[in-house]
Amino acid sequence: MDQHHTNLMGTVHGGRILNLIDSVAGVVAARHSDGPAVTAAMDETLFLQAVRVGDVVHVAARITWAGRSSMEVAVKVTADRWDRAVPPTTVATSHLVMVAVDDDGKPREVPPLLPQTDDDHRAFHEAEIRRKHRLTLRSALATDGSS
């Protein structure tokens, strides 16, 4: 990261990290769905450590759940110093909901996700919990007449 990525505190803007998260999630979703995918929601983004000028940022993502046209992508952002041989530190995590779209921007079907390992099964189960939470929240907000 370099100086044009920083805020007044001298650390990298959270928005710049969000941009990286969204971009990588889009690539992973497009590869899983074999075509374009757009961001429908960004959940649980946690900024755990500041990213500084000179840090090398690494972004890793994987599909943790897939439905008919949507997918959850878990993203982990790590950083290390370019000039030191130190292990990367986790600086942010996030979960995004991506929707596969056709040429007209309409949702299209995606391949199922088949969890293989215990970790895959755990991540899939946790993604289902987040999905239920999102749907419950959306429903509660839609039926609340106060807004």
Protein backbone atom coordinates (compact mmCIF):
# COMPACT_ATOMS: atom_id res chain seq x y z
CA MET A 1 0.00 0.00 0.00
CA ASP A 2 1.31 3.47 -0.66
CA GLN A 3 0.58 7.00 0.51
CA HIS A 4 -2.31 7.72 -1.84
CA HIS A 5 -4.26 4.93 -0.07
CA THR A 6 -4.05 6.57 3.36
CA ASN A 7 -6.39 8.58 5.54
CA LEU A 8 -5.55 11.42 7.93
CA MET A 9 -4.36 8.88 10.52
CA GLY A 10 -1.66 7.69 8.14
CA THR A 11 -3.20 4.25 7.75
CA VAL A 12 -4.93 2.77 4.72
CA HIS A 13 -8.57 3.81 4.24
CA GLY A 14 -11.03 1.13 5.26
CA GLY A 15 -12.82 1.89 2.00
CA ARG A 16 -9.72 0.86 0.05
CA ILE A 17 -9.69 -2.46 1.92
CA LEU A 18 -13.42 -2.87 1.20
CA ASN A 19 -12.71 -2.29 -2.49
CA LEU A 20 -10.11 -5.06 -2.48
CA ILE A 21 -12.51 -7.38 -0.61
CA ASP A 22 -15.32 -6.71 -3.09
CA SER A 23 -13.07 -7.13 -6.12
CA VAL A 24 -11.66 -10.48 -5.00
CA ALA A 25 -15.09 -11.75 -3.94
CA GLY A 26 -16.36 -10.90 -7.41
CA VAL A 27 -13.59 -12.90 -9.07
CA VAL A 28 -14.19 -15.94 -6.86
CA ALA A 29 -17.96 -15.77 -7.43
CA ALA A 30 -17.52 -15.38 -11.19
CA ARG A 31 -15.21 -18.38 -11.30
CA HIS A 32 -17.61 -20.54 -9.30
CA SER A 33 -20.62 -19.48 -11.36
CA ASP A 34 -18.77 -19.44 -14.69
CA GLY A 35 -19.81 -15.88 -15.49
CA PRO A 36 -20.43 -12.43 -14.06
CA ALA A 37 -21.59 -11.94 -10.47
CA VAL A 38 -22.57 -8.78 -8.65
CA THR A 39 -22.45 -7.82 -4.98
CA ALA A 40 -25.83 -8.09 -3.25
CA ALA A 41 -24.69 -7.69 0.37
CA MET A 42 -21.58 -7.27 2.45
CA ASP A 43 -21.83 -8.73 5.95
CA GLU A 44 -19.69 -8.83 9.04
CA THR A 45 -16.73 -6.87 7.82
CA LEU A 46 -14.30 -6.70 10.71
CA PHE A 47 -11.25 -4.45 10.65
CA LEU A 48 -8.86 -6.16 13.05
CA GLN A 49 -5.57 -4.31 12.51
CA ALA A 50 -4.55 -1.12 10.73
CA VAL A 51 -2.84 -1.42 7.36
CA ARG A 52 0.13 0.90 6.96
CA VAL A 53 2.05 2.41 4.10
CA GLY A 54 4.58 -0.20 3.00
CA ASP A 55 2.41 -3.16 3.93
CA VAL A 56 1.90 -5.86 1.34
CA VAL A 57 -1.78 -6.80 1.39
CA HIS A 58 -2.99 -10.30 0.50
CA VAL A 59 -6.65 -11.07 -0.12
CA ALA A 60 -7.95 -14.65 -0.09
CA ALA A 61 -11.55 -15.67 -0.70
CA ARG A 62 -13.64 -18.80 -1.03
CA ILE A 63 -17.24 -19.73 -1.66
CA THR A 64 -18.81 -20.98 1.57
CA TRP A 65 -22.42 -21.43 0.41
CA ALA A 66 -24.34 -21.47 -2.86
CA GLY A 67 -28.06 -21.30 -3.49
CA ARG A 68 -30.03 -21.01 -6.72
CA SER A 69 -28.39 -17.81 -7.97
CA SER A 70 -26.55 -16.44 -4.96
CA MET A 71 -23.32 -17.39 -3.25
CA GLU A 72 -21.66 -16.41 0.00
CA VAL A 73 -17.98 -15.55 -0.29
CA ALA A 74 -15.76 -15.46 2.82
CA VAL A 75 -12.81 -13.11 2.49
CA LYS A 76 -9.68 -12.85 4.64
CA VAL A 77 -7.25 -9.95 4.26
CA THR A 78 -3.73 -10.26 5.61
CA ALA A 79 -0.78 -7.89 5.51
CA ASP A 80 2.95 -8.08 6.06
CA ARG A 81 5.81 -5.63 5.77
CA TRP A 82 7.58 -5.55 2.42
CA ASP A 83 10.96 -5.12 4.08
CA ARG A 84 10.73 -7.78 6.80
CA ALA A 85 10.34 -11.52 6.82
CA VAL A 86 7.45 -11.66 9.26
CA PRO A 87 4.32 -13.79 8.98
CA PRO A 88 1.24 -12.03 7.59
CA THR A 89 -1.22 -10.65 10.13
CA THR A 90 -4.98 -10.89 9.59
CA VAL A 91 -6.20 -7.32 9.16
CA ALA A 92 -9.82 -7.82 8.03
CA THR A 93 -12.46 -10.45 7.38
CA SER A 94 -15.77 -10.20 5.57
CA HIS A 95 -18.64 -12.20 4.12
CA LEU A 96 -20.33 -11.09 0.91
CA VAL A 97 -23.40 -12.29 -0.92
CA MET A 98 -22.81 -12.36 -4.65
CA VAL A 99 -25.49 -13.00 -7.27
CA ALA A 100 -24.69 -14.52 -10.65
CA VAL A 101 -26.23 -12.52 -13.47
CA ASP A 102 -26.81 -13.06 -17.18
CA ASP A 103 -26.16 -10.60 -20.00
CA ASP A 104 -29.36 -8.72 -19.13
CA GLY A 105 -28.40 -8.41 -15.46
CA LYS A 106 -30.99 -10.96 -14.37
CA PRO A 107 -30.11 -13.64 -11.80
CA ARG A 108 -28.96 -16.96 -13.26
CA GLU A 109 -28.42 -20.35 -11.69
CA VAL A 110 -25.10 -21.29 -10.12
CA PRO A 111 -23.54 -24.71 -9.56
CA PRO A 112 -24.14 -26.20 -6.13
CA LEU A 113 -21.40 -26.08 -3.54
CA LEU A 114 -20.39 -29.51 -2.31
CA PRO A 115 -18.52 -29.21 0.99
CA GLN A 116 -15.71 -31.74 1.26
CA THR A 117 -13.85 -31.22 4.52
CA ASP A 118 -15.00 -30.66 8.09
CA ASP A 119 -13.97 -27.01 7.69
CA ASP A 120 -16.05 -26.75 4.49
CA HIS A 121 -19.09 -28.19 6.30
CA ARG A 122 -18.62 -25.80 9.24
CA ALA A 123 -18.30 -22.80 6.89
CA PHE A 124 -21.40 -23.92 4.96
CA HIS A 125 -23.43 -24.26 8.17
CA GLU A 126 -22.28 -20.83 9.41
CA ALA A 127 -23.19 -19.32 6.02
CA GLU A 128 -26.70 -20.76 6.33
CA ILE A 129 -27.03 -19.10 9.75
CA ARG A 130 -25.97 -15.74 8.29
CA ARG A 131 -28.43 -16.18 5.41
CA LYS A 132 -31.32 -16.92 7.81
CA HIS A 133 -30.35 -13.87 9.85
CA ARG A 134 -30.30 -11.62 6.75
CA LEU A 135 -33.69 -12.90 5.58
CA THR A 136 -35.23 -12.53 9.04
CA LEU A 137 -33.89 -9.00 9.39
CA ARG A 138 -35.11 -8.04 5.89
CA SER A 139 -38.57 -9.42 6.66
CA ALA A 140 -38.77 -7.68 10.04
CA LEU A 141 -37.74 -4.35 8.52
CA ALA A 142 -40.23 -4.73 5.65
CA THR A 143 -43.14 -5.37 8.04
CA ASP A 144 -42.17 -2.63 10.51
CA GLY A 145 -44.49 0.26 9.66
CA SER A 146 -42.40 2.86 11.51
CA SER A 147 -40.02 3.70 8.65
